[in-house]
PDB file of N, CA and C in Angstrom:
ATOM      1  N   MET A   1     -90.959  21.594 -72.574  1.00  0.00           N
ATOM      2  CA  MET A   1     -90.006  20.518 -72.437  1.00  0.00           C
ATOM      3  C   MET A   1     -90.687  19.203 -72.810  1.00  0.00           C
ATOM      4  N   SER A   2     -89.899  18.276 -73.316  1.00  0.00           N
ATOM      5  CA  SER A   2     -90.472  16.989 -73.691  1.00  0.00           C
ATOM      6  C   SER A   2     -89.629  15.858 -73.125  1.00  0.00           C
ATOM      7  N   VAL A   3     -90.230  14.686 -73.135  1.00  0.00           N
ATOM      8  CA  VAL A   3     -89.577  13.473 -72.652  1.00  0.00           C
ATOM      9  C   VAL A   3     -89.353  12.568 -73.856  1.00  0.00           C
ATOM     10  N   THR A   4     -88.153  12.004 -73.952  1.00  0.00           N
ATOM     11  CA  THR A   4     -87.830  11.101 -75.054  1.00  0.00           C
ATOM     12  C   THR A   4     -87.490   9.728 -74.482  1.00  0.00           C
ATOM     13  N   ALA A   5     -87.965   8.699 -75.158  1.00  0.00           N
ATOM     14  CA  ALA A   5     -87.660   7.326 -74.746  1.00  0.00           C
ATOM     15  C   ALA A   5     -87.328   6.490 -75.963  1.00  0.00           C
ATOM     16  N   MET A   6     -86.510   5.480 -75.739  1.00  0.00           N
ATOM     17  CA  MET A   6     -86.206   4.471 -76.740  1.00  0.00           C
ATOM     18  C   MET A   6     -86.852   3.181 -76.257  1.00  0.00           C
ATOM     19  N   VAL A   7     -87.766   2.650 -77.058  1.00  0.00           N
ATOM     20  CA  VAL A   7     -88.450   1.408 -76.701  1.00  0.00           C
ATOM     21  C   VAL A   7     -87.851   0.308 -77.558  1.00  0.00           C
ATOM     22  N   MET A   8     -87.154  -0.618 -76.905  1.00  0.00           N
ATOM     23  CA  MET A   8     -86.506  -1.729 -77.600  1.00  0.00           C
ATOM     24  C   MET A   8     -87.441  -2.932 -77.524  1.00  0.00           C
ATOM     25  N   ILE A   9     -87.725  -3.488 -78.676  1.00  0.00           N
ATOM     26  CA  ILE A   9     -88.791  -4.484 -78.774  1.00  0.00           C
ATOM     27  C   ILE A   9     -88.299  -5.784 -79.398  1.00  0.00           C
ATOM     28  N   LYS A  10     -88.661  -6.906 -78.753  1.00  0.00           N
ATOM     29  CA  LYS A  10     -88.481  -8.217 -79.359  1.00  0.00           C
ATOM     30  C   LYS A  10     -89.811  -8.567 -80.000  1.00  0.00           C
ATOM     31  N   ALA A  11     -89.768  -8.826 -81.289  1.00  0.00           N
ATOM     32  CA  ALA A  11     -90.993  -9.109 -82.038  1.00  0.00           C
ATOM     33  C   ALA A  11     -91.069 -10.580 -82.426  1.00  0.00           C
ATOM     34  N   GLN A  12     -92.280 -11.086 -82.518  1.00  0.00           N
ATOM     35  CA  GLN A  12     -92.468 -12.415 -83.070  1.00  0.00           C
ATOM     36  C   GLN A  12     -92.061 -12.324 -84.537  1.00  0.00           C
ATOM     37  N   PRO A  13     -91.225 -13.259 -85.009  1.00  0.00           N
ATOM     38  CA  PRO A  13     -90.671 -13.159 -86.368  1.00  0.00           C
ATOM     39  C   PRO A  13     -91.707 -12.931 -87.462  1.00  0.00           C
ATOM     40  N   SER A  14     -92.839 -13.558 -87.367  1.00  0.00           N
ATOM     41  CA  SER A  14     -93.853 -13.411 -88.410  1.00  0.00           C
ATOM     42  C   SER A  14     -94.538 -12.048 -88.391  1.00  0.00           C
ATOM     43  N   ARG A  15     -94.369 -11.278 -87.301  1.00  0.00           N
ATOM     44  CA  ARG A  15     -95.039  -9.987 -87.155  1.00  0.00           C
ATOM     45  C   ARG A  15     -94.082  -8.796 -87.205  1.00  0.00           C
ATOM     46  N   SER A  16     -92.799  -9.035 -87.363  1.00  0.00           N
ATOM     47  CA  SER A  16     -91.797  -7.976 -87.244  1.00  0.00           C
ATOM     48  C   SER A  16     -92.046  -6.778 -88.163  1.00  0.00           C
ATOM     49  N   THR A  17     -92.206  -7.012 -89.448  1.00  0.00           N
ATOM     50  CA  THR A  17     -92.397  -5.911 -90.398  1.00  0.00           C
ATOM     51  C   THR A  17     -93.722  -5.204 -90.180  1.00  0.00           C
ATOM     52  N   ALA A  18     -94.787  -5.965 -90.036  1.00  0.00           N
ATOM     53  CA  ALA A  18     -96.103  -5.364 -89.806  1.00  0.00           C
ATOM     54  C   ALA A  18     -96.131  -4.591 -88.492  1.00  0.00           C
ATOM     55  N   LEU A  19     -95.497  -5.153 -87.476  1.00  0.00           N
ATOM     56  CA  LEU A  19     -95.443  -4.502 -86.172  1.00  0.00           C
ATOM     57  C   LEU A  19     -94.690  -3.173 -86.249  1.00  0.00           C
ATOM     58  N   ALA A  20     -93.589  -3.150 -86.961  1.00  0.00           N
ATOM     59  CA  ALA A  20     -92.821  -1.906 -87.129  1.00  0.00           C
ATOM     60  C   ALA A  20     -93.684  -0.826 -87.766  1.00  0.00           C
ATOM     61  N   LYS A  21     -94.444  -1.193 -88.780  1.00  0.00           N
ATOM     62  CA  LYS A  21     -95.327  -0.234 -89.459  1.00  0.00           C
ATOM     63  C   LYS A  21     -96.440   0.250 -88.533  1.00  0.00           C
ATOM     64  N   GLU A  22     -96.983  -0.656 -87.730  1.00  0.00           N
ATOM     65  CA  GLU A  22     -98.046  -0.283 -86.789  1.00  0.00           C
ATOM     66  C   GLU A  22     -97.517   0.652 -85.706  1.00  0.00           C
ATOM     67  N   ILE A  23     -96.333   0.362 -85.203  1.00  0.00           N
ATOM     68  CA  ILE A  23     -95.734   1.218 -84.175  1.00  0.00           C
ATOM     69  C   ILE A  23     -95.446   2.604 -84.745  1.00  0.00           C
ATOM     70  N   ALA A  24     -94.984   2.668 -85.972  1.00  0.00           N
ATOM     71  CA  ALA A  24     -94.674   3.949 -86.610  1.00  0.00           C
ATOM     72  C   ALA A  24     -95.906   4.837 -86.742  1.00  0.00           C
ATOM     73  N   GLU A  25     -97.092   4.250 -86.760  1.00  0.00           N
ATOM     74  CA  GLU A  25     -98.337   5.010 -86.874  1.00  0.00           C
ATOM     75  C   GLU A  25     -98.839   5.552 -85.527  1.00  0.00           C
ATOM     76  N   VAL A  26     -98.252   5.091 -84.428  1.00  0.00           N
ATOM     77  CA  VAL A  26     -98.695   5.530 -83.102  1.00  0.00           C
ATOM     78  C   VAL A  26     -98.280   6.989 -82.886  1.00  0.00           C
ATOM     79  N   LYS A  27     -99.228   7.806 -82.450  1.00  0.00           N
ATOM     80  CA  LYS A  27     -98.941   9.210 -82.180  1.00  0.00           C
ATOM     81  C   LYS A  27     -97.889   9.312 -81.073  1.00  0.00           C
ATOM     82  N   GLY A  28     -96.826  10.077 -81.328  1.00  0.00           N
ATOM     83  CA  GLY A  28     -95.735  10.222 -80.381  1.00  0.00           C
ATOM     84  C   GLY A  28     -94.497   9.443 -80.786  1.00  0.00           C
ATOM     85  N   VAL A  29     -94.654   8.494 -81.693  1.00  0.00           N
ATOM     86  CA  VAL A  29     -93.519   7.724 -82.193  1.00  0.00           C
ATOM     87  C   VAL A  29     -92.933   8.477 -83.384  1.00  0.00           C
ATOM     88  N   SER A  30     -91.655   8.852 -83.279  1.00  0.00           N
ATOM     89  CA  SER A  30     -91.043   9.603 -84.375  1.00  0.00           C
ATOM     90  C   SER A  30     -90.359   8.700 -85.385  1.00  0.00           C
ATOM     91  N   GLU A  31     -89.780   7.592 -84.940  1.00  0.00           N
ATOM     92  CA  GLU A  31     -89.105   6.649 -85.831  1.00  0.00           C
ATOM     93  C   GLU A  31     -89.161   5.252 -85.248  1.00  0.00           C
ATOM     94  N   VAL A  32     -89.081   4.281 -86.138  1.00  0.00           N
ATOM     95  CA  VAL A  32     -88.936   2.878 -85.736  1.00  0.00           C
ATOM     96  C   VAL A  32     -87.804   2.308 -86.567  1.00  0.00           C
ATOM     97  N   PHE A  33     -86.848   1.707 -85.897  1.00  0.00           N
ATOM     98  CA  PHE A  33     -85.689   1.121 -86.569  1.00  0.00           C
ATOM     99  C   PHE A  33     -85.753  -0.398 -86.465  1.00  0.00           C
ATOM    100  N   SER A  34     -85.470  -1.068 -87.553  1.00  0.00           N
ATOM    101  CA  SER A  34     -85.245  -2.507 -87.539  1.00  0.00           C
ATOM    102  C   SER A  34     -83.763  -2.672 -87.239  1.00  0.00           C
ATOM    103  N   VAL A  35     -83.431  -3.453 -86.209  1.00  0.00           N
ATOM    104  CA  VAL A  35     -82.042  -3.542 -85.761  1.00  0.00           C
ATOM    105  C   VAL A  35     -81.601  -4.997 -85.589  1.00  0.00           C
ATOM    106  N   ALA A  36     -80.299  -5.183 -85.537  1.00  0.00           N
ATOM    107  CA  ALA A  36     -79.720  -6.494 -85.249  1.00  0.00           C
ATOM    108  C   ALA A  36     -79.306  -6.515 -83.787  1.00  0.00           C
ATOM    109  N   GLY A  37     -79.312  -7.687 -83.210  1.00  0.00           N
ATOM    110  CA  GLY A  37     -78.890  -7.818 -81.821  1.00  0.00           C
ATOM    111  C   GLY A  37     -79.978  -8.445 -80.982  1.00  0.00           C
ATOM    112  N   ARG A  38     -79.975  -8.123 -79.706  1.00  0.00           N
ATOM    113  CA  ARG A  38     -80.925  -8.706 -78.763  1.00  0.00           C
ATOM    114  C   ARG A  38     -82.370  -8.337 -79.059  1.00  0.00           C
ATOM    115  N   PHE A  39     -82.576  -7.154 -79.636  1.00  0.00           N
ATOM    116  CA  PHE A  39     -83.917  -6.675 -79.955  1.00  0.00           C
ATOM    117  C   PHE A  39     -84.087  -6.617 -81.468  1.00  0.00           C
ATOM    118  N   ASP A  40     -85.338  -6.587 -81.910  1.00  0.00           N
ATOM    119  CA  ASP A  40     -85.647  -6.555 -83.340  1.00  0.00           C
ATOM    120  C   ASP A  40     -85.988  -5.152 -83.827  1.00  0.00           C
ATOM    121  N   LEU A  41     -86.630  -4.371 -82.954  1.00  0.00           N
ATOM    122  CA  LEU A  41     -87.081  -3.027 -83.306  1.00  0.00           C
ATOM    123  C   LEU A  41     -86.731  -2.054 -82.195  1.00  0.00           C
ATOM    124  N   VAL A  42     -86.468  -0.815 -82.575  1.00  0.00           N
ATOM    125  CA  VAL A  42     -86.283   0.259 -81.605  1.00  0.00           C
ATOM    126  C   VAL A  42     -87.165   1.411 -82.052  1.00  0.00           C
ATOM    127  N   ALA A  43     -88.057   1.839 -81.161  1.00  0.00           N
ATOM    128  CA  ALA A  43     -88.941   2.965 -81.452  1.00  0.00           C
ATOM    129  C   ALA A  43     -88.506   4.170 -80.631  1.00  0.00           C
ATOM    130  N   ILE A  44     -88.427   5.324 -81.284  1.00  0.00           N
ATOM    131  CA  ILE A  44     -88.128   6.573 -80.593  1.00  0.00           C
ATOM    132  C   ILE A  44     -89.462   7.244 -80.317  1.00  0.00           C
ATOM    133  N   VAL A  45     -89.718   7.513 -79.036  1.00  0.00           N
ATOM    134  CA  VAL A  45     -90.997   8.081 -78.616  1.00  0.00           C
ATOM    135  C   VAL A  45     -90.745   9.416 -77.935  1.00  0.00           C
ATOM    136  N   ARG A  46     -91.537  10.428 -78.321  1.00  0.00           N
ATOM    137  CA  ARG A  46     -91.429  11.750 -77.703  1.00  0.00           C
ATOM    138  C   ARG A  46     -92.808  12.155 -77.196  1.00  0.00           C
ATOM    139  N   ALA A  47     -92.830  12.674 -75.960  1.00  0.00           N
ATOM    140  CA  ALA A  47     -94.093  13.105 -75.350  1.00  0.00           C
ATOM    141  C   ALA A  47     -93.838  14.339 -74.495  1.00  0.00           C
ATOM    142  N   ALA A  48     -94.894  15.046 -74.191  1.00  0.00           N
ATOM    143  CA  ALA A  48     -94.776  16.268 -73.395  1.00  0.00           C
ATOM    144  C   ALA A  48     -94.450  15.968 -71.932  1.00  0.00           C
ATOM    145  N   ARG A  49     -95.017  14.890 -71.411  1.00  0.00           N
ATOM    146  CA  ARG A  49     -94.848  14.568 -69.988  1.00  0.00           C
ATOM    147  C   ARG A  49     -94.618  13.070 -69.805  1.00  0.00           C
ATOM    148  N   ASN A  50     -94.102  12.705 -68.653  1.00  0.00           N
ATOM    149  CA  ASN A  50     -93.894  11.287 -68.344  1.00  0.00           C
ATOM    150  C   ASN A  50     -95.206  10.511 -68.419  1.00  0.00           C
ATOM    151  N   GLU A  51     -96.299  11.134 -67.971  1.00  0.00           N
ATOM    152  CA  GLU A  51     -97.594  10.470 -67.990  1.00  0.00           C
ATOM    153  C   GLU A  51     -98.026  10.166 -69.426  1.00  0.00           C
ATOM    154  N   ASP A  52     -97.755  11.113 -70.339  1.00  0.00           N
ATOM    155  CA  ASP A  52     -98.088  10.894 -71.749  1.00  0.00           C
ATOM    156  C   ASP A  52     -97.230   9.775 -72.331  1.00  0.00           C
ATOM    157  N   LEU A  53     -95.969   9.759 -71.943  1.00  0.00           N
ATOM    158  CA  LEU A  53     -95.057   8.715 -72.395  1.00  0.00           C
ATOM    159  C   LEU A  53     -95.560   7.342 -71.937  1.00  0.00           C
ATOM    160  N   ALA A  54     -96.000   7.265 -70.697  1.00  0.00           N
ATOM    161  CA  ALA A  54     -96.541   6.004 -70.167  1.00  0.00           C
ATOM    162  C   ALA A  54     -97.754   5.552 -70.963  1.00  0.00           C
ATOM    163  N   ASP A  55     -98.631   6.503 -71.323  1.00  0.00           N
ATOM    164  CA  ASP A  55     -99.813   6.154 -72.118  1.00  0.00           C
ATOM    165  C   ASP A  55     -99.418   5.607 -73.486  1.00  0.00           C
ATOM    166  N   ILE A  56     -98.426   6.231 -74.105  1.00  0.00           N
ATOM    167  CA  ILE A  56     -97.992   5.800 -75.442  1.00  0.00           C
ATOM    168  C   ILE A  56     -97.352   4.416 -75.383  1.00  0.00           C
ATOM    169  N   VAL A  57     -96.409   4.238 -74.450  1.00  0.00           N
ATOM    170  CA  VAL A  57     -95.672   2.970 -74.383  1.00  0.00           C
ATOM    171  C   VAL A  57     -96.557   1.845 -73.845  1.00  0.00           C
ATOM    172  N   SER A  58     -97.131   2.056 -72.676  1.00  0.00           N
ATOM    173  CA  SER A  58     -97.919   0.983 -72.049  1.00  0.00           C
ATOM    174  C   SER A  58     -99.288   0.805 -72.679  1.00  0.00           C
ATOM    175  N   GLY A  59     -99.918   1.901 -73.050  1.00  0.00           N
ATOM    176  CA  GLY A  59    -101.265   1.824 -73.585  1.00  0.00           C
ATOM    177  C   GLY A  59    -101.344   1.529 -75.066  1.00  0.00           C
ATOM    178  N   GLU A  60    -100.517   2.211 -75.833  1.00  0.00           N
ATOM    179  CA  GLU A  60    -100.604   2.087 -77.292  1.00  0.00           C
ATOM    180  C   GLU A  60     -99.684   0.992 -77.848  1.00  0.00           C
ATOM    181  N   ILE A  61     -98.387   1.138 -77.609  1.00  0.00           N
ATOM    182  CA  ILE A  61     -97.426   0.205 -78.199  1.00  0.00           C
ATOM    183  C   ILE A  61     -97.607  -1.208 -77.661  1.00  0.00           C
ATOM    184  N   HIS A  62     -97.708  -1.342 -76.355  1.00  0.00           N
ATOM    185  CA  HIS A  62     -97.810  -2.688 -75.770  1.00  0.00           C
ATOM    186  C   HIS A  62     -99.137  -3.373 -76.056  1.00  0.00           C
ATOM    187  N   SER A  63    -100.115  -2.636 -76.567  1.00  0.00           N
ATOM    188  CA  SER A  63    -101.393  -3.273 -76.917  1.00  0.00           C
ATOM    189  C   SER A  63    -101.341  -3.937 -78.291  1.00  0.00           C
ATOM    190  N   LEU A  64    -100.293  -3.679 -79.044  1.00  0.00           N
ATOM    191  CA  LEU A  64    -100.158  -4.269 -80.384  1.00  0.00           C
ATOM    192  C   LEU A  64     -99.734  -5.732 -80.280  1.00  0.00           C
ATOM    193  N   SER A  65    -100.262  -6.550 -81.151  1.00  0.00           N
ATOM    194  CA  SER A  65     -99.909  -7.972 -81.109  1.00  0.00           C
ATOM    195  C   SER A  65     -98.562  -8.206 -81.789  1.00  0.00           C
ATOM    196  N   GLY A  66     -97.830  -9.172 -81.256  1.00  0.00           N
ATOM    197  CA  GLY A  66     -96.552  -9.554 -81.847  1.00  0.00           C
ATOM    198  C   GLY A  66     -95.348  -9.140 -81.035  1.00  0.00           C
ATOM    199  N   ILE A  67     -95.563  -8.490 -79.902  1.00  0.00           N
ATOM    200  CA  ILE A  67     -94.443  -8.099 -79.039  1.00  0.00           C
ATOM    201  C   ILE A  67     -94.240  -9.204 -78.009  1.00  0.00           C
ATOM    202  N   SER A  68     -93.050  -9.801 -77.999  1.00  0.00           N
ATOM    203  CA  SER A  68     -92.784 -10.852 -77.024  1.00  0.00           C
ATOM    204  C   SER A  68     -92.066 -10.310 -75.788  1.00  0.00           C
ATOM    205  N   ASP A  69     -91.372  -9.173 -75.929  1.00  0.00           N
ATOM    206  CA  ASP A  69     -90.672  -8.566 -74.800  1.00  0.00           C
ATOM    207  C   ASP A  69     -90.274  -7.146 -75.209  1.00  0.00           C
ATOM    208  N   SER A  70     -90.047  -6.295 -74.219  1.00  0.00           N
ATOM    209  CA  SER A  70     -89.576  -4.946 -74.526  1.00  0.00           C
ATOM    210  C   SER A  70     -88.828  -4.374 -73.331  1.00  0.00           C
ATOM    211  N   GLU A  71     -88.072  -3.339 -73.602  1.00  0.00           N
ATOM    212  CA  GLU A  71     -87.350  -2.603 -72.571  1.00  0.00           C
ATOM    213  C   GLU A  71     -87.372  -1.141 -72.993  1.00  0.00           C
ATOM    214  N   THR A  72     -87.663  -0.261 -72.043  1.00  0.00           N
ATOM    215  CA  THR A  72     -87.764   1.159 -72.353  1.00  0.00           C
ATOM    216  C   THR A  72     -86.682   1.932 -71.620  1.00  0.00           C
ATOM    217  N   LEU A  73     -85.976   2.765 -72.369  1.00  0.00           N
ATOM    218  CA  LEU A  73     -84.966   3.651 -71.807  1.00  0.00           C
ATOM    219  C   LEU A  73     -85.476   5.074 -71.928  1.00  0.00           C
ATOM    220  N   ILE A  74     -85.460   5.820 -70.830  1.00  0.00           N
ATOM    221  CA  ILE A  74     -85.875   7.220 -70.856  1.00  0.00           C
ATOM    222  C   ILE A  74     -84.631   8.085 -70.878  1.00  0.00           C
ATOM    223  N   ALA A  75     -84.602   9.040 -71.799  1.00  0.00           N
ATOM    224  CA  ALA A  75     -83.430   9.904 -71.961  1.00  0.00           C
ATOM    225  C   ALA A  75     -83.443  11.025 -70.924  1.00  0.00           C
ATOM    226  N   PHE A  76     -82.285  11.256 -70.312  1.00  0.00           N
ATOM    227  CA  PHE A  76     -82.121  12.396 -69.404  1.00  0.00           C
ATOM    228  C   PHE A  76     -81.724  13.647 -70.182  1.00  0.00           C
ATOM    229  N   ARG A  77     -80.760  13.489 -71.079  1.00  0.00           N
ATOM    230  CA  ARG A  77     -80.255  14.582 -71.897  1.00  0.00           C
ATOM    231  C   ARG A  77     -80.028  14.084 -73.313  1.00  0.00           C
ATOM    232  N   VAL A  78     -80.033  15.022 -74.252  1.00  0.00           N
ATOM    233  CA  VAL A  78     -79.752  14.698 -75.639  1.00  0.00           C
ATOM    234  C   VAL A  78     -78.483  15.423 -76.046  1.00  0.00           C
ATOM    235  N   TYR A  79     -77.564  14.692 -76.617  1.00  0.00           N
ATOM    236  CA  TYR A  79     -76.334  15.275 -77.133  1.00  0.00           C
ATOM    237  C   TYR A  79     -76.304  15.022 -78.630  1.00  0.00           C
ATOM    238  N   SER A  80     -76.337  16.087 -79.393  1.00  0.00           N
ATOM    239  CA  SER A  80     -76.267  15.947 -80.838  1.00  0.00           C
ATOM    240  C   SER A  80     -75.386  17.050 -81.394  1.00  0.00           C
ATOM    241  N   ARG A  81     -74.843  16.829 -82.544  1.00  0.00           N
ATOM    242  CA  ARG A  81     -73.986  17.821 -83.188  1.00  0.00           C
ATOM    243  C   ARG A  81     -74.737  19.139 -83.367  1.00  0.00           C
ATOM    244  N   ARG A  82     -75.987  19.066 -83.798  1.00  0.00           N
ATOM    245  CA  ARG A  82     -76.784  20.267 -84.019  1.00  0.00           C
ATOM    246  C   ARG A  82     -76.973  21.054 -82.730  1.00  0.00           C
ATOM    247  N   GLU A  83     -77.333  20.366 -81.647  1.00  0.00           N
ATOM    248  CA  GLU A  83     -77.556  21.054 -80.383  1.00  0.00           C
ATOM    249  C   GLU A  83     -76.272  21.623 -79.817  1.00  0.00           C
ATOM    250  N   LEU A  84     -75.170  20.905 -79.980  1.00  0.00           N
ATOM    251  CA  LEU A  84     -73.897  21.423 -79.503  1.00  0.00           C
ATOM    252  C   LEU A  84     -73.499  22.668 -80.285  1.00  0.00           C
ATOM    253  N   THR A  85     -73.732  22.670 -81.588  1.00  0.00           N
ATOM    254  CA  THR A  85     -73.426  23.830 -82.419  1.00  0.00           C
ATOM    255  C   THR A  85     -74.308  25.011 -82.045  1.00  0.00           C
ATOM    256  N   GLU A  86     -75.596  24.776 -81.857  1.00  0.00           N
ATOM    257  CA  GLU A  86     -76.510  25.849 -81.473  1.00  0.00           C
ATOM    258  C   GLU A  86     -76.162  26.388 -80.099  1.00  0.00           C
ATOM    259  N   GLY A  87     -75.792  25.504 -79.187  1.00  0.00           N
ATOM    260  CA  GLY A  87     -75.395  25.943 -77.849  1.00  0.00           C
ATOM    261  C   GLY A  87     -74.160  26.806 -77.864  1.00  0.00           C
ATOM    262  N   THR A  88     -73.188  26.442 -78.696  1.00  0.00           N
ATOM    263  CA  THR A  88     -71.972  27.231 -78.840  1.00  0.00           C
ATOM    264  C   THR A  88     -72.285  28.590 -79.438  1.00  0.00           C
ATOM    265  N   ALA A  89     -73.209  28.628 -80.398  1.00  0.00           N
ATOM    266  CA  ALA A  89     -73.578  29.883 -81.048  1.00  0.00           C
ATOM    267  C   ALA A  89     -74.181  30.855 -80.045  1.00  0.00           C
ATOM    268  N   LEU A  90     -74.898  30.341 -79.052  1.00  0.00           N
ATOM    269  CA  LEU A  90     -75.483  31.212 -78.045  1.00  0.00           C
ATOM    270  C   LEU A  90     -74.399  31.982 -77.283  1.00  0.00           C
ATOM    271  N   PHE A  91     -73.300  31.315 -76.971  1.00  0.00           N
ATOM    272  CA  PHE A  91     -72.236  31.968 -76.219  1.00  0.00           C
ATOM    273  C   PHE A  91     -71.395  32.903 -77.086  1.00  0.00           C
ATOM    274  N   MET A  92     -71.359  32.662 -78.374  1.00  0.00           N
ATOM    275  CA  MET A  92     -70.553  33.504 -79.271  1.00  0.00           C
ATOM    276  C   MET A  92     -71.235  34.844 -79.531  1.00  0.00           C
ATOM    277  N   ASP A  93     -72.534  34.942 -79.326  1.00  0.00           N
ATOM    278  CA  ASP A  93     -73.247  36.191 -79.552  1.00  0.00           C
ATOM    279  C   ASP A  93     -72.965  37.214 -78.463  1.00  0.00           C
ATOM    280  N   GLU A  94     -72.442  36.772 -77.332  1.00  0.00           N
ATOM    281  CA  GLU A  94     -72.209  37.679 -76.214  1.00  0.00           C
ATOM    282  C   GLU A  94     -70.975  38.499 -76.408  1.00  0.00           C
TER     283      GLU A  94
END
């Protein structure tokens, strides 16, 4: 089982692009999105355990320069078309 989090980041304007690239290189980060709205970047982080997630977010990502603020959301469940289709297929085999 794994833990997934969305890390929403406010970046210093002069560091936004470089910061996105640096975050994307962090082990455990699957994607970084440049977004409009209250935050500038959203990083999707996946880890085996909550403790690993804490190390990635607090230890790795937050150590990068150019982050002025952040908020982390931890996912309880994932709902996707693929997973719903695969889940339905499991019941159809019976």
